[in-house]
Amino acid sequence: MKEATKDTIRIILAILLPPLGVFLQVGLKLHFWINIILTLLGFIPGIIHAVYIILTRGNSRISA
């Protein structure tokens, strides 16, 4: 699957459930936990952070 398609799927998931989109991009690292906190404080900040991480991280997670 092309990376652009994977990013599109991650962004859609990030809009529905922001921590899931971040988890798929970086795993259980610091940004995942930051996103959980942002999502609990307000859903919109969680979405913004998730989309930002997906768009700026590129291929940081190795897919199996």
PDB file of N, CA and C in Angstrom:
ATOM      1  N   MET A   1       0.846  -1.172   0.000  1.00  0.00           N
ATOM      2  CA  MET A   1       0.000   0.000   0.000  1.00  0.00           C
ATOM      3  C   MET A   1       0.896   1.241   0.000  1.00  0.00           C
ATOM      4  N   LYS A   2       0.530   2.228  -0.765  1.00  0.00           N
ATOM      5  CA  LYS A   2       1.329   3.449  -0.853  1.00  0.00           C
ATOM      6  C   LYS A   2       1.262   4.231   0.453  1.00  0.00           C
ATOM      7  N   GLU A   3       2.338   4.977   0.720  1.00  0.00           N
ATOM      8  CA  GLU A   3       2.418   5.762   1.957  1.00  0.00           C
ATOM      9  C   GLU A   3       1.341   6.840   2.019  1.00  0.00           C
ATOM     10  N   ALA A   4       0.996   7.429   0.876  1.00  0.00           N
ATOM     11  CA  ALA A   4      -0.056   8.452   0.856  1.00  0.00           C
ATOM     12  C   ALA A   4      -1.399   7.857   1.271  1.00  0.00           C
ATOM     13  N   THR A   5      -1.673   6.646   0.846  1.00  0.00           N
ATOM     14  CA  THR A   5      -2.916   5.968   1.224  1.00  0.00           C
ATOM     15  C   THR A   5      -2.921   5.668   2.722  1.00  0.00           C
ATOM     16  N   LYS A   6      -1.771   5.218   3.240  1.00  0.00           N
ATOM     17  CA  LYS A   6      -1.675   4.940   4.669  1.00  0.00           C
ATOM     18  C   LYS A   6      -1.892   6.213   5.483  1.00  0.00           C
ATOM     19  N   ASP A   7      -1.292   7.322   5.030  1.00  0.00           N
ATOM     20  CA  ASP A   7      -1.478   8.589   5.736  1.00  0.00           C
ATOM     21  C   ASP A   7      -2.931   9.028   5.713  1.00  0.00           C
ATOM     22  N   THR A   8      -3.606   8.827   4.592  1.00  0.00           N
ATOM     23  CA  THR A   8      -5.018   9.193   4.488  1.00  0.00           C
ATOM     24  C   THR A   8      -5.856   8.389   5.479  1.00  0.00           C
ATOM     25  N   ILE A   9      -5.583   7.101   5.579  1.00  0.00           N
ATOM     26  CA  ILE A   9      -6.309   6.242   6.526  1.00  0.00           C
ATOM     27  C   ILE A   9      -6.018   6.689   7.956  1.00  0.00           C
ATOM     28  N   ARG A  10      -4.743   7.000   8.245  1.00  0.00           N
ATOM     29  CA  ARG A  10      -4.385   7.470   9.594  1.00  0.00           C
ATOM     30  C   ARG A  10      -5.080   8.784   9.937  1.00  0.00           C
ATOM     31  N   ILE A  11      -5.181   9.690   8.971  1.00  0.00           N
ATOM     32  CA  ILE A  11      -5.836  10.978   9.226  1.00  0.00           C
ATOM     33  C   ILE A  11      -7.326  10.780   9.504  1.00  0.00           C
ATOM     34  N   ILE A  12      -7.971   9.913   8.741  1.00  0.00           N
ATOM     35  CA  ILE A  12      -9.393   9.622   8.983  1.00  0.00           C
ATOM     36  C   ILE A  12      -9.575   9.038  10.384  1.00  0.00           C
ATOM     37  N   LEU A  13      -8.709   8.098  10.759  1.00  0.00           N
ATOM     38  CA  LEU A  13      -8.786   7.519  12.104  1.00  0.00           C
ATOM     39  C   LEU A  13      -8.481   8.562  13.171  1.00  0.00           C
ATOM     40  N   ALA A  14      -7.563   9.490  12.873  1.00  0.00           N
ATOM     41  CA  ALA A  14      -7.220  10.544  13.828  1.00  0.00           C
ATOM     42  C   ALA A  14      -8.392  11.480  14.066  1.00  0.00           C
ATOM     43  N   ILE A  15      -9.211  11.691  13.061  1.00  0.00           N
ATOM     44  CA  ILE A  15     -10.389  12.542  13.242  1.00  0.00           C
ATOM     45  C   ILE A  15     -11.435  11.828  14.095  1.00  0.00           C
ATOM     46  N   LEU A  16     -11.576  10.530  13.901  1.00  0.00           N
ATOM     47  CA  LEU A  16     -12.554   9.767  14.668  1.00  0.00           C
ATOM     48  C   LEU A  16     -12.075   9.481  16.090  1.00  0.00           C
ATOM     49  N   LEU A  17     -10.801   9.106  16.223  1.00  0.00           N
ATOM     50  CA  LEU A  17     -10.215   8.758  17.521  1.00  0.00           C
ATOM     51  C   LEU A  17      -8.742   9.154  17.496  1.00  0.00           C
ATOM     52  N   PRO A  18      -8.428  10.389  17.906  1.00  0.00           N
ATOM     53  CA  PRO A  18      -7.074  10.932  17.752  1.00  0.00           C
ATOM     54  C   PRO A  18      -5.931  10.061  18.290  1.00  0.00           C
ATOM     55  N   PRO A  19      -6.042   9.465  19.482  1.00  0.00           N
ATOM     56  CA  PRO A  19      -4.914   8.648  19.950  1.00  0.00           C
ATOM     57  C   PRO A  19      -4.619   7.444  19.046  1.00  0.00           C
ATOM     58  N   LEU A  20      -5.624   6.902  18.401  1.00  0.00           N
ATOM     59  CA  LEU A  20      -5.404   5.773  17.504  1.00  0.00           C
ATOM     60  C   LEU A  20      -4.546   6.188  16.302  1.00  0.00           C
ATOM     61  N   GLY A  21      -4.829   7.348  15.745  1.00  0.00           N
ATOM     62  CA  GLY A  21      -4.031   7.840  14.624  1.00  0.00           C
ATOM     63  C   GLY A  21      -2.581   8.052  15.016  1.00  0.00           C
ATOM     64  N   VAL A  22      -2.351   8.605  16.202  1.00  0.00           N
ATOM     65  CA  VAL A  22      -0.977   8.829  16.677  1.00  0.00           C
ATOM     66  C   VAL A  22      -0.303   7.492  16.972  1.00  0.00           C
ATOM     67  N   PHE A  23      -1.037   6.569  17.580  1.00  0.00           N
ATOM     68  CA  PHE A  23      -0.470   5.249  17.871  1.00  0.00           C
ATOM     69  C   PHE A  23      -0.018   4.553  16.593  1.00  0.00           C
ATOM     70  N   LEU A  24      -0.821   4.623  15.545  1.00  0.00           N
ATOM     71  CA  LEU A  24      -0.450   3.976  14.289  1.00  0.00           C
ATOM     72  C   LEU A  24       0.771   4.632  13.656  1.00  0.00           C
ATOM     73  N   GLN A  25       1.011   5.890  13.972  1.00  0.00           N
ATOM     74  CA  GLN A  25       2.154   6.605  13.394  1.00  0.00           C
ATOM     75  C   GLN A  25       3.432   6.409  14.204  1.00  0.00           C
ATOM     76  N   VAL A  26       3.361   6.546  15.536  1.00  0.00           N
ATOM     77  CA  VAL A  26       4.585   6.532  16.345  1.00  0.00           C
ATOM     78  C   VAL A  26       4.633   5.434  17.395  1.00  0.00           C
ATOM     79  N   GLY A  27       3.553   4.717  17.621  1.00  0.00           N
ATOM     80  CA  GLY A  27       3.541   3.690  18.657  1.00  0.00           C
ATOM     81  C   GLY A  27       3.280   4.289  20.027  1.00  0.00           C
ATOM     82  N   LEU A  28       3.733   3.598  21.067  1.00  0.00           N
ATOM     83  CA  LEU A  28       3.478   4.034  22.446  1.00  0.00           C
ATOM     84  C   LEU A  28       4.587   4.952  22.946  1.00  0.00           C
ATOM     85  N   LYS A  29       4.893   5.963  22.183  1.00  0.00           N
ATOM     86  CA  LYS A  29       5.930   6.917  22.569  1.00  0.00           C
ATOM     87  C   LYS A  29       5.285   8.146  23.189  1.00  0.00           C
ATOM     88  N   LEU A  30       6.106   9.142  23.486  1.00  0.00           N
ATOM     89  CA  LEU A  30       5.662  10.342  24.188  1.00  0.00           C
ATOM     90  C   LEU A  30       4.487  11.031  23.500  1.00  0.00           C
ATOM     91  N   HIS A  31       4.500  11.130  22.179  1.00  0.00           N
ATOM     92  CA  HIS A  31       3.432  11.838  21.475  1.00  0.00           C
ATOM     93  C   HIS A  31       2.073  11.146  21.632  1.00  0.00           C
ATOM     94  N   PHE A  32       2.074   9.841  21.781  1.00  0.00           N
ATOM     95  CA  PHE A  32       0.821   9.125  22.028  1.00  0.00           C
ATOM     96  C   PHE A  32       0.206   9.588  23.352  1.00  0.00           C
ATOM     97  N   TRP A  33       1.027   9.657  24.405  1.00  0.00           N
ATOM     98  CA  TRP A  33       0.526  10.049  25.726  1.00  0.00           C
ATOM     99  C   TRP A  33       0.135  11.514  25.758  1.00  0.00           C
ATOM    100  N   ILE A  34       0.886  12.358  25.056  1.00  0.00           N
ATOM    101  CA  ILE A  34       0.500  13.768  24.941  1.00  0.00           C
ATOM    102  C   ILE A  34      -0.861  13.876  24.270  1.00  0.00           C
ATOM    103  N   ASN A  35      -1.068  13.073  23.243  1.00  0.00           N
ATOM    104  CA  ASN A  35      -2.341  13.128  22.529  1.00  0.00           C
ATOM    105  C   ASN A  35      -3.499  12.652  23.398  1.00  0.00           C
ATOM    106  N   ILE A  36      -3.271  11.658  24.222  1.00  0.00           N
ATOM    107  CA  ILE A  36      -4.328  11.202  25.140  1.00  0.00           C
ATOM    108  C   ILE A  36      -4.734  12.351  26.059  1.00  0.00           C
ATOM    109  N   ILE A  37      -3.749  13.053  26.607  1.00  0.00           N
ATOM    110  CA  ILE A  37      -4.036  14.182  27.505  1.00  0.00           C
ATOM    111  C   ILE A  37      -4.785  15.282  26.757  1.00  0.00           C
ATOM    112  N   LEU A  38      -4.323  15.627  25.549  1.00  0.00           N
ATOM    113  CA  LEU A  38      -4.990  16.671  24.770  1.00  0.00           C
ATOM    114  C   LEU A  38      -6.422  16.275  24.417  1.00  0.00           C
ATOM    115  N   THR A  39      -6.624  15.011  24.100  1.00  0.00           N
ATOM    116  CA  THR A  39      -7.967  14.550  23.755  1.00  0.00           C
ATOM    117  C   THR A  39      -8.886  14.600  24.972  1.00  0.00           C
ATOM    118  N   LEU A  40      -8.372  14.272  26.138  1.00  0.00           N
ATOM    119  CA  LEU A  40      -9.179  14.354  27.353  1.00  0.00           C
ATOM    120  C   LEU A  40      -9.514  15.798  27.719  1.00  0.00           C
ATOM    121  N   LEU A  41      -8.590  16.719  27.421  1.00  0.00           N
ATOM    122  CA  LEU A  41      -8.835  18.130  27.717  1.00  0.00           C
ATOM    123  C   LEU A  41      -9.798  18.769  26.723  1.00  0.00           C
ATOM    124  N   GLY A  42      -9.823  18.244  25.531  1.00  0.00           N
ATOM    125  CA  GLY A  42     -10.714  18.756  24.497  1.00  0.00           C
ATOM    126  C   GLY A  42     -10.481  17.980  23.218  1.00  0.00           C
ATOM    127  N   PHE A  43     -11.523  17.552  22.609  1.00  0.00           N
ATOM    128  CA  PHE A  43     -11.402  16.672  21.446  1.00  0.00           C
ATOM    129  C   PHE A  43     -10.671  17.344  20.284  1.00  0.00           C
ATOM    130  N   ILE A  44     -10.935  18.624  20.043  1.00  0.00           N
ATOM    131  CA  ILE A  44     -10.327  19.347  18.916  1.00  0.00           C
ATOM    132  C   ILE A  44      -8.800  19.449  19.060  1.00  0.00           C
ATOM    133  N   PRO A  45      -8.253  19.805  20.238  1.00  0.00           N
ATOM    134  CA  PRO A  45      -6.787  19.820  20.355  1.00  0.00           C
ATOM    135  C   PRO A  45      -6.158  18.452  20.079  1.00  0.00           C
ATOM    136  N   GLY A  46      -6.839  17.392  20.466  1.00  0.00           N
ATOM    137  CA  GLY A  46      -6.352  16.041  20.183  1.00  0.00           C
ATOM    138  C   GLY A  46      -6.308  15.758  18.688  1.00  0.00           C
ATOM    139  N   ILE A  47      -7.337  16.195  17.976  1.00  0.00           N
ATOM    140  CA  ILE A  47      -7.378  15.999  16.521  1.00  0.00           C
ATOM    141  C   ILE A  47      -6.258  16.798  15.852  1.00  0.00           C
ATOM    142  N   ILE A  48      -6.092  18.048  16.251  1.00  0.00           N
ATOM    143  CA  ILE A  48      -5.053  18.895  15.648  1.00  0.00           C
ATOM    144  C   ILE A  48      -3.673  18.290  15.875  1.00  0.00           C
ATOM    145  N   HIS A  49      -3.407  17.854  17.096  1.00  0.00           N
ATOM    146  CA  HIS A  49      -2.115  17.244  17.404  1.00  0.00           C
ATOM    147  C   HIS A  49      -1.911  15.968  16.599  1.00  0.00           C
ATOM    148  N   ALA A  50      -2.926  15.132  16.499  1.00  0.00           N
ATOM    149  CA  ALA A  50      -2.810  13.870  15.765  1.00  0.00           C
ATOM    150  C   ALA A  50      -2.510  14.108  14.291  1.00  0.00           C
ATOM    151  N   VAL A  51      -3.233  15.020  13.672  1.00  0.00           N
ATOM    152  CA  VAL A  51      -3.004  15.306  12.258  1.00  0.00           C
ATOM    153  C   VAL A  51      -1.604  15.893  12.059  1.00  0.00           C
ATOM    154  N   TYR A  52      -1.185  16.757  12.967  1.00  0.00           N
ATOM    155  CA  TYR A  52       0.161  17.337  12.892  1.00  0.00           C
ATOM    156  C   TYR A  52       1.228  16.242  12.957  1.00  0.00           C
ATOM    157  N   ILE A  53       1.098  15.318  13.884  1.00  0.00           N
ATOM    158  CA  ILE A  53       2.068  14.231  14.022  1.00  0.00           C
ATOM    159  C   ILE A  53       2.088  13.364  12.768  1.00  0.00           C
ATOM    160  N   ILE A  54       0.930  13.039  12.242  1.00  0.00           N
ATOM    161  CA  ILE A  54       0.868  12.191  11.050  1.00  0.00           C
ATOM    162  C   ILE A  54       1.522  12.879   9.850  1.00  0.00           C
ATOM    163  N   LEU A  55       1.263  14.174   9.691  1.00  0.00           N
ATOM    164  CA  LEU A  55       1.793  14.880   8.530  1.00  0.00           C
ATOM    165  C   LEU A  55       3.280  15.198   8.647  1.00  0.00           C
ATOM    166  N   THR A  56       3.806  15.342   9.863  1.00  0.00           N
ATOM    167  CA  THR A  56       5.208  15.728  10.008  1.00  0.00           C
ATOM    168  C   THR A  56       6.143  14.564  10.275  1.00  0.00           C
ATOM    169  N   ARG A  57       5.650  13.432  10.707  1.00  0.00           N
ATOM    170  CA  ARG A  57       6.514  12.315  11.072  1.00  0.00           C
ATOM    171  C   ARG A  57       6.920  11.434   9.899  1.00  0.00           C
ATOM    172  N   GLY A  58       6.207  11.462   8.808  1.00  0.00           N
ATOM    173  CA  GLY A  58       6.580  10.639   7.657  1.00  0.00           C
ATOM    174  C   GLY A  58       6.598   9.160   7.987  1.00  0.00           C
ATOM    175  N   ASN A  59       7.697   8.501   7.703  1.00  0.00           N
ATOM    176  CA  ASN A  59       7.832   7.055   7.883  1.00  0.00           C
ATOM    177  C   ASN A  59       8.498   6.692   9.190  1.00  0.00           C
ATOM    178  N   SER A  60       8.113   7.279  10.299  1.00  0.00           N
ATOM    179  CA  SER A  60       8.817   7.016  11.550  1.00  0.00           C
ATOM    180  C   SER A  60       8.475   5.658  12.149  1.00  0.00           C
ATOM    181  N   ARG A  61       7.394   5.054  11.733  1.00  0.00           N
ATOM    182  CA  ARG A  61       7.012   3.739  12.248  1.00  0.00           C
ATOM    183  C   ARG A  61       7.222   2.710  11.156  1.00  0.00           C
ATOM    184  N   ILE A  62       7.907   1.647  11.476  1.00  0.00           N
ATOM    185  CA  ILE A  62       8.148   0.576  10.507  1.00  0.00           C
ATOM    186  C   ILE A  62       6.918  -0.312  10.483  1.00  0.00           C
ATOM    187  N   SER A  63       6.342  -0.492   9.306  1.00  0.00           N
ATOM    188  CA  SER A  63       5.141  -1.322   9.216  1.00  0.00           C
ATOM    189  C   SER A  63       5.521  -2.767   8.982  1.00  0.00           C
ATOM    190  N   ALA A  64       4.755  -3.655   9.584  1.00  0.00           N
ATOM    191  CA  ALA A  64       5.059  -5.093   9.485  1.00  0.00           C
ATOM    192  C   ALA A  64       4.399  -5.693   8.276  1.00  0.00           C
TER     193      ALA A  64
END
